Amino acid sequence: MDNAKMLQKILSQVEENAKILSALEHRTDLQGRALNNLDNRLSHVEGSTKRIEKDVSQIKNDIIRTNNKANTATIRLFETLDKIMEARYI
């Protein structure tokens, strides 16, 4: 094979390699953007989850306080009923 044909073959291969490299670089860029977008969305979801956990914790505390108040009111009611009953039989 003469030098001109060899050079043409090498140049053809270099051109093909350059096209492949360009396509790979483009694909890497697209994947990088998608990964950044996914990371931003994940951060948003994590923030929302933390807010929801805080809200649920607050609701749980409110329920506990309400139950405590209801229990206290029930105890006072029965104490009052006991006093009324005692007063009726004295």
PDB file of N, CA and C in Angstrom:
ATOM      1  N   MET A   1       0.854  -1.175   0.000  1.00  0.00           N
ATOM      2  CA  MET A   1       0.000   0.000   0.000  1.00  0.00           C
ATOM      3  C   MET A   1       0.893   1.230   0.000  1.00  0.00           C
ATOM      4  N   ASP A   2       0.582   2.156  -0.867  1.00  0.00           N
ATOM      5  CA  ASP A   2       1.427   3.346  -0.949  1.00  0.00           C
ATOM      6  C   ASP A   2       1.069   4.341   0.153  1.00  0.00           C
ATOM      7  N   ASN A   3       1.936   5.287   0.363  1.00  0.00           N
ATOM      8  CA  ASN A   3       1.808   6.253   1.462  1.00  0.00           C
ATOM      9  C   ASN A   3       0.536   7.084   1.373  1.00  0.00           C
ATOM     10  N   ALA A   4       0.130   7.466   0.197  1.00  0.00           N
ATOM     11  CA  ALA A   4      -1.054   8.306   0.023  1.00  0.00           C
ATOM     12  C   ALA A   4      -2.310   7.553   0.477  1.00  0.00           C
ATOM     13  N   LYS A   5      -2.398   6.264   0.111  1.00  0.00           N
ATOM     14  CA  LYS A   5      -3.550   5.470   0.525  1.00  0.00           C
ATOM     15  C   LYS A   5      -3.554   5.258   2.033  1.00  0.00           C
ATOM     16  N   MET A   6      -2.341   5.009   2.596  1.00  0.00           N
ATOM     17  CA  MET A   6      -2.236   4.833   4.050  1.00  0.00           C
ATOM     18  C   MET A   6      -2.642   6.109   4.777  1.00  0.00           C
ATOM     19  N   LEU A   7      -2.166   7.227   4.277  1.00  0.00           N
ATOM     20  CA  LEU A   7      -2.498   8.504   4.890  1.00  0.00           C
ATOM     21  C   LEU A   7      -4.007   8.759   4.800  1.00  0.00           C
ATOM     22  N   GLN A   8      -4.598   8.457   3.656  1.00  0.00           N
ATOM     23  CA  GLN A   8      -6.043   8.636   3.484  1.00  0.00           C
ATOM     24  C   GLN A   8      -6.816   7.740   4.456  1.00  0.00           C
ATOM     25  N   LYS A   9      -6.372   6.508   4.642  1.00  0.00           N
ATOM     26  CA  LYS A   9      -7.013   5.583   5.562  1.00  0.00           C
ATOM     27  C   LYS A   9      -6.908   6.090   7.004  1.00  0.00           C
ATOM     28  N   ILE A  10      -5.733   6.585   7.363  1.00  0.00           N
ATOM     29  CA  ILE A  10      -5.527   7.120   8.720  1.00  0.00           C
ATOM     30  C   ILE A  10      -6.405   8.350   8.941  1.00  0.00           C
ATOM     31  N   LEU A  11      -6.429   9.246   7.960  1.00  0.00           N
ATOM     32  CA  LEU A  11      -7.251  10.449   8.074  1.00  0.00           C
ATOM     33  C   LEU A  11      -8.728  10.096   8.181  1.00  0.00           C
ATOM     34  N   SER A  12      -9.154   9.107   7.446  1.00  0.00           N
ATOM     35  CA  SER A  12     -10.543   8.661   7.501  1.00  0.00           C
ATOM     36  C   SER A  12     -10.870   8.116   8.895  1.00  0.00           C
ATOM     37  N   GLN A  13      -9.939   7.351   9.445  1.00  0.00           N
ATOM     38  CA  GLN A  13     -10.153   6.795  10.792  1.00  0.00           C
ATOM     39  C   GLN A  13     -10.156   7.902  11.845  1.00  0.00           C
ATOM     40  N   VAL A  14      -9.272   8.874  11.696  1.00  0.00           N
ATOM     41  CA  VAL A  14      -9.230  10.001  12.624  1.00  0.00           C
ATOM     42  C   VAL A  14     -10.535  10.783  12.564  1.00  0.00           C
ATOM     43  N   GLU A  15     -11.061  10.993  11.354  1.00  0.00           N
ATOM     44  CA  GLU A  15     -12.323  11.714  11.204  1.00  0.00           C
ATOM     45  C   GLU A  15     -13.470  10.939  11.871  1.00  0.00           C
ATOM     46  N   GLU A  16     -13.493   9.630  11.670  1.00  0.00           N
ATOM     47  CA  GLU A  16     -14.520   8.799  12.303  1.00  0.00           C
ATOM     48  C   GLU A  16     -14.387   8.850  13.822  1.00  0.00           C
ATOM     49  N   ASN A  17     -13.175   8.761  14.327  1.00  0.00           N
ATOM     50  CA  ASN A  17     -12.939   8.837  15.779  1.00  0.00           C
ATOM     51  C   ASN A  17     -13.382  10.182  16.337  1.00  0.00           C
ATOM     52  N   ALA A  18     -13.134  11.258  15.585  1.00  0.00           N
ATOM     53  CA  ALA A  18     -13.531  12.596  16.021  1.00  0.00           C
ATOM     54  C   ALA A  18     -15.059  12.697  16.111  1.00  0.00           C
ATOM     55  N   LYS A  19     -15.767  12.105  15.151  1.00  0.00           N
ATOM     56  CA  LYS A  19     -17.236  12.119  15.184  1.00  0.00           C
ATOM     57  C   LYS A  19     -17.750  11.326  16.391  1.00  0.00           C
ATOM     58  N   ILE A  20     -17.149  10.176  16.640  1.00  0.00           N
ATOM     59  CA  ILE A  20     -17.551   9.363  17.789  1.00  0.00           C
ATOM     60  C   ILE A  20     -17.290  10.127  19.081  1.00  0.00           C
ATOM     61  N   LEU A  21     -16.117  10.743  19.183  1.00  0.00           N
ATOM     62  CA  LEU A  21     -15.772  11.512  20.374  1.00  0.00           C
ATOM     63  C   LEU A  21     -16.737  12.668  20.570  1.00  0.00           C
ATOM     64  N   SER A  22     -17.087  13.347  19.496  1.00  0.00           N
ATOM     65  CA  SER A  22     -18.026  14.463  19.586  1.00  0.00           C
ATOM     66  C   SER A  22     -19.394  13.971  20.074  1.00  0.00           C
ATOM     67  N   ALA A  23     -19.850  12.848  19.552  1.00  0.00           N
ATOM     68  CA  ALA A  23     -21.134  12.285  19.984  1.00  0.00           C
ATOM     69  C   ALA A  23     -21.076  11.893  21.456  1.00  0.00           C
ATOM     70  N   LEU A  24     -19.966  11.313  21.881  1.00  0.00           N
ATOM     71  CA  LEU A  24     -19.818  10.932  23.286  1.00  0.00           C
ATOM     72  C   LEU A  24     -19.787  12.154  24.201  1.00  0.00           C
ATOM     73  N   GLU A  25     -19.106  13.200  23.770  1.00  0.00           N
ATOM     74  CA  GLU A  25     -19.064  14.435  24.562  1.00  0.00           C
ATOM     75  C   GLU A  25     -20.463  15.038  24.689  1.00  0.00           C
ATOM     76  N   HIS A  26     -21.207  15.025  23.585  1.00  0.00           N
ATOM     77  CA  HIS A  26     -22.576  15.559  23.610  1.00  0.00           C
ATOM     78  C   HIS A  26     -23.440  14.735  24.568  1.00  0.00           C
ATOM     79  N   ARG A  27     -23.320  13.428  24.475  1.00  0.00           N
ATOM     80  CA  ARG A  27     -24.111  12.543  25.347  1.00  0.00           C
ATOM     81  C   ARG A  27     -23.738  12.768  26.815  1.00  0.00           C
ATOM     82  N   THR A  28     -22.457  12.931  27.094  1.00  0.00           N
ATOM     83  CA  THR A  28     -22.002  13.187  28.458  1.00  0.00           C
ATOM     84  C   THR A  28     -22.564  14.503  28.976  1.00  0.00           C
ATOM     85  N   ASP A  29     -22.597  15.511  28.114  1.00  0.00           N
ATOM     86  CA  ASP A  29     -23.157  16.805  28.493  1.00  0.00           C
ATOM     87  C   ASP A  29     -24.639  16.673  28.828  1.00  0.00           C
ATOM     88  N   LEU A  30     -25.385  15.949  27.996  1.00  0.00           N
ATOM     89  CA  LEU A  30     -26.813  15.734  28.250  1.00  0.00           C
ATOM     90  C   LEU A  30     -27.034  14.985  29.557  1.00  0.00           C
ATOM     91  N   GLN A  31     -26.242  13.957  29.798  1.00  0.00           N
ATOM     92  CA  GLN A  31     -26.385  13.189  31.028  1.00  0.00           C
ATOM     93  C   GLN A  31     -26.025  14.028  32.250  1.00  0.00           C
ATOM     94  N   GLY A  32     -25.013  14.896  32.107  1.00  0.00           N
ATOM     95  CA  GLY A  32     -24.639  15.791  33.202  1.00  0.00           C
ATOM     96  C   GLY A  32     -25.764  16.745  33.548  1.00  0.00           C
ATOM     97  N   ARG A  33     -26.416  17.284  32.526  1.00  0.00           N
ATOM     98  CA  ARG A  33     -27.550  18.181  32.764  1.00  0.00           C
ATOM     99  C   ARG A  33     -28.701  17.433  33.428  1.00  0.00           C
ATOM    100  N   ALA A  34     -28.963  16.235  32.945  1.00  0.00           N
ATOM    101  CA  ALA A  34     -30.048  15.435  33.533  1.00  0.00           C
ATOM    102  C   ALA A  34     -29.731  15.109  34.991  1.00  0.00           C
ATOM    103  N   LEU A  35     -28.483  14.804  35.272  1.00  0.00           N
ATOM    104  CA  LEU A  35     -28.074  14.493  36.642  1.00  0.00           C
ATOM    105  C   LEU A  35     -28.222  15.720  37.545  1.00  0.00           C
ATOM    106  N   ASN A  36     -27.845  16.888  37.054  1.00  0.00           N
ATOM    107  CA  ASN A  36     -28.016  18.121  37.829  1.00  0.00           C
ATOM    108  C   ASN A  36     -29.491  18.398  38.096  1.00  0.00           C
ATOM    109  N   ASN A  37     -30.327  18.189  37.077  1.00  0.00           N
ATOM    110  CA  ASN A  37     -31.767  18.380  37.238  1.00  0.00           C
ATOM    111  C   ASN A  37     -32.313  17.410  38.281  1.00  0.00           C
ATOM    112  N   LEU A  38     -31.894  16.170  38.206  1.00  0.00           N
ATOM    113  CA  LEU A  38     -32.336  15.162  39.165  1.00  0.00           C
ATOM    114  C   LEU A  38     -31.873  15.519  40.575  1.00  0.00           C
ATOM    115  N   ASP A  39     -30.661  16.007  40.710  1.00  0.00           N
ATOM    116  CA  ASP A  39     -30.137  16.411  42.013  1.00  0.00           C
ATOM    117  C   ASP A  39     -30.957  17.555  42.594  1.00  0.00           C
ATOM    118  N   ASN A  40     -31.322  18.533  41.757  1.00  0.00           N
ATOM    119  CA  ASN A  40     -32.158  19.647  42.218  1.00  0.00           C
ATOM    120  C   ASN A  40     -33.537  19.159  42.661  1.00  0.00           C
ATOM    121  N   ARG A  41     -34.112  18.252  41.886  1.00  0.00           N
ATOM    122  CA  ARG A  41     -35.429  17.717  42.249  1.00  0.00           C
ATOM    123  C   ARG A  41     -35.354  16.924  43.550  1.00  0.00           C
ATOM    124  N   LEU A  42     -34.277  16.164  43.730  1.00  0.00           N
ATOM    125  CA  LEU A  42     -34.100  15.395  44.957  1.00  0.00           C
ATOM    126  C   LEU A  42     -33.960  16.324  46.156  1.00  0.00           C
ATOM    127  N   SER A  43     -33.234  17.407  46.001  1.00  0.00           N
ATOM    128  CA  SER A  43     -33.097  18.385  47.087  1.00  0.00           C
ATOM    129  C   SER A  43     -34.463  18.958  47.457  1.00  0.00           C
ATOM    130  N   HIS A  44     -35.276  19.238  46.462  1.00  0.00           N
ATOM    131  CA  HIS A  44     -36.623  19.764  46.711  1.00  0.00           C
ATOM    132  C   HIS A  44     -37.462  18.739  47.482  1.00  0.00           C
ATOM    133  N   VAL A  45     -37.383  17.479  47.067  1.00  0.00           N
ATOM    134  CA  VAL A  45     -38.143  16.420  47.740  1.00  0.00           C
ATOM    135  C   VAL A  45     -37.658  16.255  49.179  1.00  0.00           C
ATOM    136  N   GLU A  46     -36.350  16.305  49.391  1.00  0.00           N
ATOM    137  CA  GLU A  46     -35.815  16.191  50.756  1.00  0.00           C
ATOM    138  C   GLU A  46     -36.324  17.330  51.629  1.00  0.00           C
ATOM    139  N   GLY A  47     -36.336  18.542  51.088  1.00  0.00           N
ATOM    140  CA  GLY A  47     -36.848  19.689  51.842  1.00  0.00           C
ATOM    141  C   GLY A  47     -38.324  19.523  52.173  1.00  0.00           C
ATOM    142  N   SER A  48     -39.091  19.064  51.199  1.00  0.00           N
ATOM    143  CA  SER A  48     -40.519  18.840  51.437  1.00  0.00           C
ATOM    144  C   SER A  48     -40.724  17.756  52.494  1.00  0.00           C
ATOM    145  N   THR A  49     -39.939  16.717  52.425  1.00  0.00           N
ATOM    146  CA  THR A  49     -40.049  15.619  53.396  1.00  0.00           C
ATOM    147  C   THR A  49     -39.747  16.109  54.804  1.00  0.00           C
ATOM    148  N   LYS A  50     -38.735  16.936  54.939  1.00  0.00           N
ATOM    149  CA  LYS A  50     -38.399  17.467  56.268  1.00  0.00           C
ATOM    150  C   LYS A  50     -39.525  18.338  56.811  1.00  0.00           C
ATOM    151  N   ARG A  51     -40.137  19.147  55.934  1.00  0.00           N
ATOM    152  CA  ARG A  51     -41.263  19.982  56.373  1.00  0.00           C
ATOM    153  C   ARG A  51     -42.442  19.104  56.793  1.00  0.00           C
ATOM    154  N   ILE A  52     -42.711  18.064  56.038  1.00  0.00           N
ATOM    155  CA  ILE A  52     -43.809  17.158  56.371  1.00  0.00           C
ATOM    156  C   ILE A  52     -43.536  16.457  57.696  1.00  0.00           C
ATOM    157  N   GLU A  53     -42.299  16.002  57.912  1.00  0.00           N
ATOM    158  CA  GLU A  53     -41.946  15.354  59.178  1.00  0.00           C
ATOM    159  C   GLU A  53     -42.159  16.312  60.350  1.00  0.00           C
ATOM    160  N   LYS A  54     -41.779  17.578  60.157  1.00  0.00           N
ATOM    161  CA  LYS A  54     -41.960  18.574  61.209  1.00  0.00           C
ATOM    162  C   LYS A  54     -43.452  18.785  61.484  1.00  0.00           C
ATOM    163  N   ASP A  55     -44.245  18.884  60.415  1.00  0.00           N
ATOM    164  CA  ASP A  55     -45.689  19.079  60.579  1.00  0.00           C
ATOM    165  C   ASP A  55     -46.327  17.882  61.280  1.00  0.00           C
ATOM    166  N   VAL A  56     -45.941  16.678  60.912  1.00  0.00           N
ATOM    167  CA  VAL A  56     -46.486  15.475  61.539  1.00  0.00           C
ATOM    168  C   VAL A  56     -46.117  15.436  63.014  1.00  0.00           C
ATOM    169  N   SER A  57     -44.895  15.812  63.323  1.00  0.00           N
ATOM    170  CA  SER A  57     -44.458  15.849  64.718  1.00  0.00           C
ATOM    171  C   SER A  57     -45.295  16.853  65.518  1.00  0.00           C
ATOM    172  N   GLN A  58     -45.562  18.005  64.922  1.00  0.00           N
ATOM    173  CA  GLN A  58     -46.379  19.023  65.591  1.00  0.00           C
ATOM    174  C   GLN A  58     -47.800  18.508  65.803  1.00  0.00           C
ATOM    175  N   ILE A  59     -48.357  17.864  64.800  1.00  0.00           N
ATOM    176  CA  ILE A  59     -49.710  17.308  64.921  1.00  0.00           C
ATOM    177  C   ILE A  59     -49.740  16.248  66.015  1.00  0.00           C
ATOM    178  N   LYS A  60     -48.734  15.407  66.064  1.00  0.00           N
ATOM    179  CA  LYS A  60     -48.650  14.376  67.112  1.00  0.00           C
ATOM    180  C   LYS A  60     -48.626  15.028  68.494  1.00  0.00           C
ATOM    181  N   ASN A  61     -47.825  16.068  68.643  1.00  0.00           N
ATOM    182  CA  ASN A  61     -47.761  16.771  69.931  1.00  0.00           C
ATOM    183  C   ASN A  61     -49.103  17.415  70.274  1.00  0.00           C
ATOM    184  N   ASP A  62     -49.769  17.974  69.269  1.00  0.00           N
ATOM    185  CA  ASP A  62     -51.090  18.573  69.503  1.00  0.00           C
ATOM    186  C   ASP A  62     -52.097  17.514  69.951  1.00  0.00           C
ATOM    187  N   ILE A  63     -52.056  16.353  69.340  1.00  0.00           N
ATOM    188  CA  ILE A  63     -52.966  15.266  69.720  1.00  0.00           C
ATOM    189  C   ILE A  63     -52.694  14.823  71.154  1.00  0.00           C
ATOM    190  N   ILE A  64     -51.425  14.691  71.502  1.00  0.00           N
ATOM    191  CA  ILE A  64     -51.071  14.291  72.868  1.00  0.00           C
ATOM    192  C   ILE A  64     -51.585  15.318  73.869  1.00  0.00           C
ATOM    193  N   ARG A  65     -51.366  16.613  73.590  1.00  0.00           N
ATOM    194  CA  ARG A  65     -51.850  17.666  74.485  1.00  0.00           C
ATOM    195  C   ARG A  65     -53.367  17.634  74.592  1.00  0.00           C
ATOM    196  N   THR A  66     -54.048  17.451  73.480  1.00  0.00           N
ATOM    197  CA  THR A  66     -55.509  17.407  73.487  1.00  0.00           C
ATOM    198  C   THR A  66     -56.000  16.207  74.288  1.00  0.00           C
ATOM    199  N   ASN A  67     -55.364  15.063  74.096  1.00  0.00           N
ATOM    200  CA  ASN A  67     -55.743  13.876  74.874  1.00  0.00           C
ATOM    201  C   ASN A  67     -55.516  14.099  76.363  1.00  0.00           C
ATOM    202  N   ASN A  68     -54.415  14.741  76.707  1.00  0.00           N
ATOM    203  CA  ASN A  68     -54.142  15.036  78.119  1.00  0.00           C
ATOM    204  C   ASN A  68     -55.215  15.953  78.703  1.00  0.00           C
ATOM    205  N   LYS A  69     -55.600  16.974  77.938  1.00  0.00           N
ATOM    206  CA  LYS A  69     -56.646  17.886  78.408  1.00  0.00           C
ATOM    207  C   LYS A  69     -57.973  17.147  78.554  1.00  0.00           C
ATOM    208  N   ALA A  70     -58.289  16.285  77.594  1.00  0.00           N
ATOM    209  CA  ALA A  70     -59.537  15.516  77.668  1.00  0.00           C
ATOM    210  C   ALA A  70     -59.519  14.588  78.877  1.00  0.00           C
ATOM    211  N   ASN A  71     -58.373  13.957  79.135  1.00  0.00           N
ATOM    212  CA  ASN A  71     -58.259  13.070  80.303  1.00  0.00           C
ATOM    213  C   ASN A  71     -58.427  13.860  81.602  1.00  0.00           C
ATOM    214  N   THR A  72     -57.812  15.028  81.657  1.00  0.00           N
ATOM    215  CA  THR A  72     -57.935  15.877  82.841  1.00  0.00           C
ATOM    216  C   THR A  72     -59.394  16.301  83.038  1.00  0.00           C
ATOM    217  N   ALA A  73     -60.047  16.685  81.951  1.00  0.00           N
ATOM    218  CA  ALA A  73     -61.453  17.092  82.039  1.00  0.00           C
ATOM    219  C   ALA A  73     -62.320  15.921  82.495  1.00  0.00           C
ATOM    220  N   THR A  74     -62.033  14.727  82.013  1.00  0.00           N
ATOM    221  CA  THR A  74     -62.803  13.542  82.417  1.00  0.00           C
ATOM    222  C   THR A  74     -62.614  13.253  83.895  1.00  0.00           C
ATOM    223  N   ILE A  75     -61.386  13.348  84.356  1.00  0.00           N
ATOM    224  CA  ILE A  75     -61.110  13.131  85.784  1.00  0.00           C
ATOM    225  C   ILE A  75     -61.857  14.157  86.625  1.00  0.00           C
ATOM    226  N   ARG A  76     -61.818  15.418  86.235  1.00  0.00           N
ATOM    227  CA  ARG A  76     -62.522  16.471  86.981  1.00  0.00           C
ATOM    228  C   ARG A  76     -64.026  16.227  86.970  1.00  0.00           C
ATOM    229  N   LEU A  77     -64.533  15.778  85.839  1.00  0.00           N
ATOM    230  CA  LEU A  77     -65.961  15.478  85.750  1.00  0.00           C
ATOM    231  C   LEU A  77     -66.344  14.392  86.742  1.00  0.00           C
ATOM    232  N   PHE A  78     -65.569  13.311  86.781  1.00  0.00           N
ATOM    233  CA  PHE A  78     -65.880  12.228  87.713  1.00  0.00           C
ATOM    234  C   PHE A  78     -65.700  12.661  89.168  1.00  0.00           C
ATOM    235  N   GLU A  79     -64.682  13.500  89.415  1.00  0.00           N
ATOM    236  CA  GLU A  79     -64.509  14.021  90.779  1.00  0.00           C
ATOM    237  C   GLU A  79     -65.724  14.852  91.182  1.00  0.00           C
ATOM    238  N   THR A  80     -66.196  15.684  90.259  1.00  0.00           N
ATOM    239  CA  THR A  80     -67.372  16.511  90.536  1.00  0.00           C
ATOM    240  C   THR A  80     -68.602  15.636  90.749  1.00  0.00           C
ATOM    241  N   LEU A  81     -68.769  14.620  89.916  1.00  0.00           N
ATOM    242  CA  LEU A  81     -69.897  13.707  90.091  1.00  0.00           C
ATOM    243  C   LEU A  81     -69.819  12.983  91.432  1.00  0.00           C
ATOM    244  N   ASP A  82     -68.608  12.572  91.826  1.00  0.00           N
ATOM    245  CA  ASP A  82     -68.430  11.928  93.136  1.00  0.00           C
ATOM    246  C   ASP A  82     -68.854  12.877  94.256  1.00  0.00           C
ATOM    247  N   LYS A  83     -68.458  14.160  94.160  1.00  0.00           N
ATOM    248  CA  LYS A  83     -68.824  15.134  95.193  1.00  0.00           C
ATOM    249  C   LYS A  83     -70.341  15.336  95.243  1.00  0.00           C
ATOM    250  N   ILE A  84     -70.958  15.395  94.067  1.00  0.00           N
ATOM    251  CA  ILE A  84     -72.416  15.556  94.017  1.00  0.00           C
ATOM    252  C   ILE A  84     -73.093  14.344  94.657  1.00  0.00           C
ATOM    253  N   MET A  85     -72.603  13.172  94.311  1.00  0.00           N
ATOM    254  CA  MET A  85     -73.188  11.953  94.859  1.00  0.00           C
ATOM    255  C   MET A  85     -72.995  11.898  96.380  1.00  0.00           C
ATOM    256  N   GLU A  86     -71.817  12.282  96.842  1.00  0.00           N
ATOM    257  CA  GLU A  86     -71.564  12.304  98.292  1.00  0.00           C
ATOM    258  C   GLU A  86     -72.479  13.317  98.985  1.00  0.00           C
ATOM    259  N   ALA A  87     -72.673  14.450  98.360  1.00  0.00           N
ATOM    260  CA  ALA A  87     -73.520  15.489  98.942  1.00  0.00           C
ATOM    261  C   ALA A  87     -74.973  15.028  99.021  1.00  0.00           C
ATOM    262  N   ARG A  88     -75.397  14.254  98.089  1.00  0.00           N
ATOM    263  CA  ARG A  88     -76.791  13.785  98.078  1.00  0.00           C
ATOM    264  C   ARG A  88     -77.028  12.766  99.206  1.00  0.00           C
ATOM    265  N   TYR A  89     -75.986  12.032  99.571  1.00  0.00           N
ATOM    266  CA  TYR A  89     -76.165  10.978 100.573  1.00  0.00           C
ATOM    267  C   TYR A  89     -75.703  11.397 101.954  1.00  0.00           C
ATOM    268  N   ILE A  90     -75.341  12.614 102.120  1.00  0.00           N
ATOM    269  CA  ILE A  90     -74.900  13.065 103.452  1.00  0.00           C
ATOM    270  C   ILE A  90     -76.071  13.520 104.255  1.00  0.00           C
TER     271      ILE A  90
END
